[in-house]
Amino acid sequence: MLDYTKFILEKVSFDQQLFEKELLKHLGELIIEEVQELKNWCYEHFGQTYAPVLKRCFA
């Protein structure tokens, strides 16, 4: 499920609202360990572009 989530986020990364919607949706489907791995991955790949979105979603 984590790989699928990463795939979807890469596909919707052109739109901030869609990115946030998909991220929130998929966070509810992952186990705790996967959420932490996704958080690290998101900050690595989208930290400069979507830092405020990531802060809200991972708060």
PDB file of N, CA and C in Angstrom:
ATOM      1  N   MET A   1       0.816  -1.191   0.000  1.00  0.00           N
ATOM      2  CA  MET A   1       0.000   0.000   0.000  1.00  0.00           C
ATOM      3  C   MET A   1       0.865   1.262   0.000  1.00  0.00           C
ATOM      4  N   LEU A   2       1.999   1.203   0.658  1.00  0.00           N
ATOM      5  CA  LEU A   2       2.892   2.360   0.729  1.00  0.00           C
ATOM      6  C   LEU A   2       3.408   2.736  -0.662  1.00  0.00           C
ATOM      7  N   ASP A   3       3.797   1.755  -1.442  1.00  0.00           N
ATOM      8  CA  ASP A   3       4.283   2.042  -2.798  1.00  0.00           C
ATOM      9  C   ASP A   3       3.190   2.650  -3.660  1.00  0.00           C
ATOM     10  N   TYR A   4       1.985   2.159  -3.509  1.00  0.00           N
ATOM     11  CA  TYR A   4       0.857   2.708  -4.252  1.00  0.00           C
ATOM     12  C   TYR A   4       0.613   4.166  -3.852  1.00  0.00           C
ATOM     13  N   THR A   5       0.693   4.457  -2.572  1.00  0.00           N
ATOM     14  CA  THR A   5       0.514   5.823  -2.075  1.00  0.00           C
ATOM     15  C   THR A   5       1.562   6.753  -2.664  1.00  0.00           C
ATOM     16  N   LYS A   6       2.804   6.316  -2.695  1.00  0.00           N
ATOM     17  CA  LYS A   6       3.877   7.131  -3.280  1.00  0.00           C
ATOM     18  C   LYS A   6       3.615   7.385  -4.761  1.00  0.00           C
ATOM     19  N   PHE A   7       3.163   6.355  -5.459  1.00  0.00           N
ATOM     20  CA  PHE A   7       2.844   6.471  -6.879  1.00  0.00           C
ATOM     21  C   PHE A   7       1.761   7.525  -7.105  1.00  0.00           C
ATOM     22  N   ILE A   8       0.692   7.457  -6.320  1.00  0.00           N
ATOM     23  CA  ILE A   8      -0.417   8.403  -6.456  1.00  0.00           C
ATOM     24  C   ILE A   8       0.057   9.823  -6.146  1.00  0.00           C
ATOM     25  N   LEU A   9       0.819   9.996  -5.085  1.00  0.00           N
ATOM     26  CA  LEU A   9       1.283  11.335  -4.718  1.00  0.00           C
ATOM     27  C   LEU A   9       2.172  11.941  -5.794  1.00  0.00           C
ATOM     28  N   GLU A  10       2.983  11.136  -6.417  1.00  0.00           N
ATOM     29  CA  GLU A  10       3.803  11.642  -7.519  1.00  0.00           C
ATOM     30  C   GLU A  10       2.927  12.093  -8.684  1.00  0.00           C
ATOM     31  N   LYS A  11       1.863  11.358  -8.944  1.00  0.00           N
ATOM     32  CA  LYS A  11       0.979  11.677 -10.069  1.00  0.00           C
ATOM     33  C   LYS A  11       0.169  12.955  -9.832  1.00  0.00           C
ATOM     34  N   VAL A  12      -0.186  13.238  -8.582  1.00  0.00           N
ATOM     35  CA  VAL A  12      -1.023  14.408  -8.293  1.00  0.00           C
ATOM     36  C   VAL A  12      -0.222  15.592  -7.758  1.00  0.00           C
ATOM     37  N   SER A  13       1.075  15.497  -7.779  1.00  0.00           N
ATOM     38  CA  SER A  13       1.910  16.543  -7.177  1.00  0.00           C
ATOM     39  C   SER A  13       1.859  17.869  -7.921  1.00  0.00           C
ATOM     40  N   PHE A  14       1.215  17.901  -9.071  1.00  0.00           N
ATOM     41  CA  PHE A  14       1.097  19.151  -9.825  1.00  0.00           C
ATOM     42  C   PHE A  14       0.058  20.095  -9.207  1.00  0.00           C
ATOM     43  N   ASP A  15      -0.811  19.563  -8.323  1.00  0.00           N
ATOM     44  CA  ASP A  15      -1.898  20.351  -7.750  1.00  0.00           C
ATOM     45  C   ASP A  15      -1.887  20.229  -6.230  1.00  0.00           C
ATOM     46  N   GLN A  16      -1.731  21.336  -5.535  1.00  0.00           N
ATOM     47  CA  GLN A  16      -1.586  21.313  -4.076  1.00  0.00           C
ATOM     48  C   GLN A  16      -2.822  20.745  -3.378  1.00  0.00           C
ATOM     49  N   GLN A  17      -4.012  21.157  -3.777  1.00  0.00           N
ATOM     50  CA  GLN A  17      -5.223  20.677  -3.122  1.00  0.00           C
ATOM     51  C   GLN A  17      -5.423  19.182  -3.340  1.00  0.00           C
ATOM     52  N   LEU A  18      -5.182  18.723  -4.531  1.00  0.00           N
ATOM     53  CA  LEU A  18      -5.315  17.300  -4.831  1.00  0.00           C
ATOM     54  C   LEU A  18      -4.259  16.491  -4.083  1.00  0.00           C
ATOM     55  N   PHE A  19      -3.055  17.019  -4.019  1.00  0.00           N
ATOM     56  CA  PHE A  19      -1.979  16.362  -3.281  1.00  0.00           C
ATOM     57  C   PHE A  19      -2.371  16.194  -1.815  1.00  0.00           C
ATOM     58  N   GLU A  20      -2.864  17.262  -1.205  1.00  0.00           N
ATOM     59  CA  GLU A  20      -3.254  17.198   0.212  1.00  0.00           C
ATOM     60  C   GLU A  20      -4.410  16.229   0.423  1.00  0.00           C
ATOM     61  N   LYS A  21      -5.390  16.261  -0.451  1.00  0.00           N
ATOM     62  CA  LYS A  21      -6.539  15.358  -0.348  1.00  0.00           C
ATOM     63  C   LYS A  21      -6.094  13.901  -0.412  1.00  0.00           C
ATOM     64  N   GLU A  22      -5.261  13.581  -1.375  1.00  0.00           N
ATOM     65  CA  GLU A  22      -4.794  12.201  -1.529  1.00  0.00           C
ATOM     66  C   GLU A  22      -3.909  11.776  -0.361  1.00  0.00           C
ATOM     67  N   LEU A  23      -3.070  12.674   0.106  1.00  0.00           N
ATOM     68  CA  LEU A  23      -2.206  12.344   1.235  1.00  0.00           C
ATOM     69  C   LEU A  23      -3.041  12.027   2.464  1.00  0.00           C
ATOM     70  N   LEU A  24      -4.017  12.854   2.769  1.00  0.00           N
ATOM     71  CA  LEU A  24      -4.871  12.610   3.936  1.00  0.00           C
ATOM     72  C   LEU A  24      -5.646  11.305   3.790  1.00  0.00           C
ATOM     73  N   LYS A  25      -6.134  11.048   2.602  1.00  0.00           N
ATOM     74  CA  LYS A  25      -6.891   9.820   2.364  1.00  0.00           C
ATOM     75  C   LYS A  25      -6.030   8.587   2.617  1.00  0.00           C
ATOM     76  N   HIS A  26      -4.814   8.615   2.120  1.00  0.00           N
ATOM     77  CA  HIS A  26      -3.945   7.441   2.233  1.00  0.00           C
ATOM     78  C   HIS A  26      -3.340   7.294   3.622  1.00  0.00           C
ATOM     79  N   LEU A  27      -3.216   8.383   4.360  1.00  0.00           N
ATOM     80  CA  LEU A  27      -2.688   8.279   5.720  1.00  0.00           C
ATOM     81  C   LEU A  27      -3.576   7.395   6.586  1.00  0.00           C
ATOM     82  N   GLY A  28      -4.860   7.440   6.344  1.00  0.00           N
ATOM     83  CA  GLY A  28      -5.794   6.624   7.110  1.00  0.00           C
ATOM     84  C   GLY A  28      -5.728   5.145   6.786  1.00  0.00           C
ATOM     85  N   GLU A  29      -5.067   4.798   5.711  1.00  0.00           N
ATOM     86  CA  GLU A  29      -5.003   3.402   5.272  1.00  0.00           C
ATOM     87  C   GLU A  29      -3.687   2.715   5.619  1.00  0.00           C
ATOM     88  N   LEU A  30      -2.748   3.477   6.160  1.00  0.00           N
ATOM     89  CA  LEU A  30      -1.414   2.930   6.428  1.00  0.00           C
ATOM     90  C   LEU A  30      -1.226   2.616   7.903  1.00  0.00           C
ATOM     91  N   ILE A  31      -0.338   1.670   8.176  1.00  0.00           N
ATOM     92  CA  ILE A  31       0.021   1.390   9.560  1.00  0.00           C
ATOM     93  C   ILE A  31       1.069   2.407  10.019  1.00  0.00           C
ATOM     94  N   ILE A  32       1.285   2.479  11.311  1.00  0.00           N
ATOM     95  CA  ILE A  32       2.144   3.515  11.905  1.00  0.00           C
ATOM     96  C   ILE A  32       3.536   3.536  11.288  1.00  0.00           C
ATOM     97  N   GLU A  33       4.133   2.387  11.093  1.00  0.00           N
ATOM     98  CA  GLU A  33       5.483   2.327  10.532  1.00  0.00           C
ATOM     99  C   GLU A  33       5.502   2.879   9.101  1.00  0.00           C
ATOM    100  N   GLU A  34       4.462   2.586   8.342  1.00  0.00           N
ATOM    101  CA  GLU A  34       4.379   3.078   6.975  1.00  0.00           C
ATOM    102  C   GLU A  34       4.169   4.590   6.943  1.00  0.00           C
ATOM    103  N   VAL A  35       3.416   5.102   7.909  1.00  0.00           N
ATOM    104  CA  VAL A  35       3.185   6.548   7.976  1.00  0.00           C
ATOM    105  C   VAL A  35       4.508   7.273   8.199  1.00  0.00           C
ATOM    106  N   GLN A  36       5.335   6.758   9.090  1.00  0.00           N
ATOM    107  CA  GLN A  36       6.628   7.393   9.346  1.00  0.00           C
ATOM    108  C   GLN A  36       7.518   7.335   8.105  1.00  0.00           C
ATOM    109  N   GLU A  37       7.513   6.216   7.421  1.00  0.00           N
ATOM    110  CA  GLU A  37       8.306   6.086   6.193  1.00  0.00           C
ATOM    111  C   GLU A  37       7.776   7.032   5.117  1.00  0.00           C
ATOM    112  N   LEU A  38       6.449   7.141   5.011  1.00  0.00           N
ATOM    113  CA  LEU A  38       5.848   8.054   4.043  1.00  0.00           C
ATOM    114  C   LEU A  38       6.194   9.501   4.390  1.00  0.00           C
ATOM    115  N   LYS A  39       6.166   9.835   5.648  1.00  0.00           N
ATOM    116  CA  LYS A  39       6.513  11.192   6.083  1.00  0.00           C
ATOM    117  C   LYS A  39       7.931  11.547   5.637  1.00  0.00           C
ATOM    118  N   ASN A  40       8.857  10.667   5.902  1.00  0.00           N
ATOM    119  CA  ASN A  40      10.243  10.903   5.498  1.00  0.00           C
ATOM    120  C   ASN A  40      10.362  11.050   3.981  1.00  0.00           C
ATOM    121  N   TRP A  41       9.685  10.178   3.268  1.00  0.00           N
ATOM    122  CA  TRP A  41       9.717  10.213   1.805  1.00  0.00           C
ATOM    123  C   TRP A  41       9.114  11.508   1.281  1.00  0.00           C
ATOM    124  N   CYS A  42       7.985  11.917   1.832  1.00  0.00           N
ATOM    125  CA  CYS A  42       7.312  13.138   1.384  1.00  0.00           C
ATOM    126  C   CYS A  42       8.188  14.366   1.606  1.00  0.00           C
ATOM    127  N   TYR A  43       8.799  14.459   2.784  1.00  0.00           N
ATOM    128  CA  TYR A  43       9.657  15.611   3.047  1.00  0.00           C
ATOM    129  C   TYR A  43      10.880  15.614   2.123  1.00  0.00           C
ATOM    130  N   GLU A  44      11.367  14.439   1.796  1.00  0.00           N
ATOM    131  CA  GLU A  44      12.513  14.336   0.894  1.00  0.00           C
ATOM    132  C   GLU A  44      12.142  14.756  -0.530  1.00  0.00           C
ATOM    133  N   HIS A  45      10.973  14.349  -0.994  1.00  0.00           N
ATOM    134  CA  HIS A  45      10.575  14.599  -2.379  1.00  0.00           C
ATOM    135  C   HIS A  45       9.778  15.890  -2.579  1.00  0.00           C
ATOM    136  N   PHE A  46       8.999  16.284  -1.582  1.00  0.00           N
ATOM    137  CA  PHE A  46       8.104  17.423  -1.752  1.00  0.00           C
ATOM    138  C   PHE A  46       8.262  18.488  -0.672  1.00  0.00           C
ATOM    139  N   GLY A  47       9.283  18.373   0.146  1.00  0.00           N
ATOM    140  CA  GLY A  47       9.475  19.281   1.273  1.00  0.00           C
ATOM    141  C   GLY A  47       9.575  20.744   0.885  1.00  0.00           C
ATOM    142  N   GLN A  48      10.238  21.029  -0.196  1.00  0.00           N
ATOM    143  CA  GLN A  48      10.389  22.423  -0.600  1.00  0.00           C
ATOM    144  C   GLN A  48       9.118  22.956  -1.244  1.00  0.00           C
ATOM    145  N   THR A  49       8.411  22.122  -1.939  1.00  0.00           N
ATOM    146  CA  THR A  49       7.210  22.556  -2.662  1.00  0.00           C
ATOM    147  C   THR A  49       5.985  22.633  -1.759  1.00  0.00           C
ATOM    148  N   TYR A  50       5.808  21.628  -0.915  1.00  0.00           N
ATOM    149  CA  TYR A  50       4.579  21.513  -0.131  1.00  0.00           C
ATOM    150  C   TYR A  50       4.825  21.438   1.372  1.00  0.00           C
ATOM    151  N   ALA A  51       5.796  22.146   1.878  1.00  0.00           N
ATOM    152  CA  ALA A  51       6.103  22.109   3.311  1.00  0.00           C
ATOM    153  C   ALA A  51       4.889  22.416   4.192  1.00  0.00           C
ATOM    154  N   PRO A  52       4.099  23.466   3.909  1.00  0.00           N
ATOM    155  CA  PRO A  52       2.926  23.735   4.756  1.00  0.00           C
ATOM    156  C   PRO A  52       1.889  22.605   4.724  1.00  0.00           C
ATOM    157  N   VAL A  53       1.705  22.022   3.566  1.00  0.00           N
ATOM    158  CA  VAL A  53       0.759  20.904   3.438  1.00  0.00           C
ATOM    159  C   VAL A  53       1.250  19.722   4.259  1.00  0.00           C
ATOM    160  N   LEU A  54       2.522  19.418   4.159  1.00  0.00           N
ATOM    161  CA  LEU A  54       3.077  18.281   4.895  1.00  0.00           C
ATOM    162  C   LEU A  54       2.976  18.514   6.401  1.00  0.00           C
ATOM    163  N   LYS A  55       3.220  19.728   6.847  1.00  0.00           N
ATOM    164  CA  LYS A  55       3.108  20.044   8.275  1.00  0.00           C
ATOM    165  C   LYS A  55       1.685  19.804   8.767  1.00  0.00           C
ATOM    166  N   ARG A  56       0.698  20.249   7.995  1.00  0.00           N
ATOM    167  CA  ARG A  56      -0.698  20.053   8.378  1.00  0.00           C
ATOM    168  C   ARG A  56      -1.060  18.571   8.417  1.00  0.00           C
ATOM    169  N   CYS A  57      -0.671  17.840   7.406  1.00  0.00           N
ATOM    170  CA  CYS A  57      -1.086  16.438   7.298  1.00  0.00           C
ATOM    171  C   CYS A  57      -0.396  15.539   8.318  1.00  0.00           C
ATOM    172  N   PHE A  58       0.848  15.827   8.631  1.00  0.00           N
ATOM    173  CA  PHE A  58       1.594  14.958   9.543  1.00  0.00           C
ATOM    174  C   PHE A  58       1.609  15.474  10.981  1.00  0.00           C
ATOM    175  N   ALA A  59       0.839  16.522  11.264  1.00  0.00           N
ATOM    176  CA  ALA A  59       0.802  17.087  12.623  1.00  0.00           C
ATOM    177  C   ALA A  59       0.119  16.149  13.599  1.00  0.00           C
TER     178      ALA A  59
END
